[in-house]
Protein backbone atom coordinates (compact mmCIF):
# COMPACT_ATOMS: atom_id res chain seq x y z
CA MET A 1 8.20 145.08 151.72
CA ALA A 2 5.75 143.58 149.31
CA LYS A 3 3.13 140.88 149.46
CA GLN A 4 1.62 139.00 146.56
CA ALA A 5 -0.31 135.73 146.29
CA ALA A 6 1.10 132.85 144.26
CA ASP A 7 -1.71 130.41 145.01
CA TYR A 8 0.65 127.69 146.31
CA GLU A 9 1.87 127.00 142.76
CA ARG A 10 5.48 126.82 141.59
CA GLN A 11 4.90 128.67 138.30
CA LYS A 12 3.02 131.47 140.04
CA GLY A 13 5.78 131.66 142.65
CA GLN A 14 8.23 132.17 139.82
CA THR A 15 6.07 134.82 138.14
CA VAL A 16 5.50 136.72 141.39
CA THR A 17 9.22 136.64 142.18
CA GLU A 18 10.10 137.88 138.68
CA GLN A 19 7.80 140.85 139.25
CA LEU A 20 9.16 141.37 142.75
CA ILE A 21 12.81 141.46 141.72
CA THR A 22 12.04 143.75 138.79
CA ALA A 23 10.49 146.27 141.18
CA ASN A 24 12.98 145.60 144.01
CA PRO A 25 16.29 144.30 142.64
CA ASP A 26 17.97 144.73 146.03
CA ILE A 27 15.56 142.30 147.73
CA ASN A 28 17.25 140.22 150.41
CA CYS A 29 14.52 137.94 151.78
CA ILE A 30 11.47 136.00 150.59
CA TYR A 31 8.95 134.16 152.73
CA ALA A 32 6.90 131.56 150.89
CA HIS A 33 3.97 129.89 152.58
CA ASN A 34 4.77 126.60 150.83
CA ASP A 35 7.72 124.89 149.20
CA GLU A 36 6.30 125.00 145.67
CA MET A 37 6.17 128.80 145.69
CA ALA A 38 9.68 128.90 147.18
CA LEU A 39 11.02 126.65 144.43
CA GLY A 40 9.39 128.97 141.89
CA ALA A 41 11.16 131.87 143.57
CA VAL A 42 14.46 130.00 143.25
CA ALA A 43 13.85 129.51 139.51
CA ALA A 44 13.18 133.24 139.07
CA LEU A 45 16.29 134.21 141.04
CA LYS A 46 18.47 131.83 139.03
CA ALA A 47 17.09 133.17 135.75
CA ALA A 48 17.78 136.74 136.87
CA GLY A 49 21.41 135.97 137.69
CA TYR A 50 21.23 135.91 141.47
CA GLN A 51 23.57 133.52 143.27
CA PRO A 52 22.76 131.08 146.10
CA GLY A 53 22.45 133.03 149.32
CA ASP A 54 21.90 136.44 147.70
CA VAL A 55 18.27 136.26 148.81
CA LYS A 56 17.28 134.37 151.94
CA ILE A 57 14.23 132.18 151.35
CA ILE A 58 12.19 130.72 154.21
CA THR A 59 9.37 128.32 153.44
CA ILE A 60 6.91 125.90 154.98
CA ASP A 61 6.27 122.25 154.07
CA GLY A 62 9.33 120.02 154.24
CA THR A 63 9.42 118.54 150.77
CA LYS A 64 12.57 116.91 149.45
CA GLY A 65 12.89 119.62 146.79
CA ALA A 66 12.98 122.43 149.33
CA VAL A 67 15.35 120.59 151.67
CA GLN A 68 17.62 119.98 148.67
CA GLY A 69 17.35 123.73 148.05
CA ILE A 70 18.93 124.28 151.47
CA ILE A 71 21.76 121.92 150.60
CA ASP A 72 22.26 123.78 147.31
CA GLY A 73 22.32 127.13 149.11
CA TRP A 74 19.18 128.63 147.56
CA ILE A 75 16.84 128.17 150.52
CA SER A 76 17.77 129.29 154.02
CA GLY A 77 15.28 127.29 156.04
CA VAL A 78 12.19 125.12 155.90
CA ILE A 79 9.67 124.58 158.65
CA GLU A 80 8.00 121.23 158.14
CA SER A 81 4.24 121.01 158.03
CA ASN A 82 3.72 117.59 156.63
CA PRO A 83 0.66 115.46 155.93
CA ARG A 84 1.89 112.53 158.01
CA PHE A 85 -0.31 113.44 160.97
CA GLY A 86 -3.27 111.66 159.34
CA PRO A 87 -3.01 108.46 161.41
CA LEU A 88 -2.86 110.54 164.61
CA ALA A 89 -6.00 112.43 163.60
CA PHE A 90 -7.88 109.25 162.74
CA LYS A 91 -6.88 107.65 166.05
CA ALA A 92 -8.19 110.70 167.89
CA LEU A 93 -11.50 110.42 166.01
CA GLN A 94 -11.73 106.71 166.74
CA ASP A 95 -11.00 107.28 170.44
CA PHE A 96 -13.53 110.10 170.60
CA TYR A 97 -16.36 108.14 168.99
CA SER A 98 -15.60 104.98 170.98
CA GLY A 99 -15.88 106.94 174.22
CA ALA A 100 -12.22 106.44 175.17
CA GLY A 101 -11.76 110.19 175.23
CA VAL A 102 -9.10 112.35 173.70
CA PRO A 103 -6.71 114.89 175.19
CA GLN A 104 -7.79 118.50 175.04
CA LYS A 105 -4.66 119.30 173.06
CA THR A 106 -2.61 117.19 170.64
CA ILE A 107 0.76 118.52 169.59
CA ILE A 108 2.13 117.47 166.22
CA SER A 109 5.90 117.39 166.01
CA ASP A 110 7.31 118.86 162.85
CA LYS A 111 10.92 119.53 161.93
CA GLU A 112 13.02 122.56 161.20
CA TYR A 113 15.44 122.11 158.31
CA THR A 114 18.54 124.31 158.18
CA LYS A 115 21.96 124.19 156.55
CA ASP A 116 23.16 122.36 159.68
CA ASN A 117 20.83 119.38 159.27
CA ALA A 118 19.45 119.40 155.72
CA ALA A 119 21.85 116.83 154.26
CA ALA A 120 21.28 114.37 157.10
CA GLU A 121 17.50 114.93 157.14
CA LEU A 122 16.91 114.88 153.37
CA PRO A 123 15.83 111.21 153.39
CA ASN A 124 13.18 112.06 156.02
CA ALA A 125 11.64 114.93 154.06
CA TYR A 126 8.48 114.06 152.17
């Protein structure tokens, strides 16, 4: 196992993955904390001659690029964490400051993208 920061940037994700696969050519899984770093990892794997599915990549965000990566076989799964909860947050603030009250807990529904639903859900990714 190895851990290295890529600062949520695609190019750094590629650089980190290049270093990772040089040191560990038999790597079989990568977790990226955002889609940009995962897409950088995909670029590094492609350049190094890996094939789709050789390395399982799991990422967080839910961008169209990453969901397309599932369809293409390079990414194994994406857990959505999208910015569309803004209106819900502003409504909670408005309700709080108007005295209407807010629930103690608000649950935001995100999606899980897999090979089973990526093609159908691609238009819904952000």
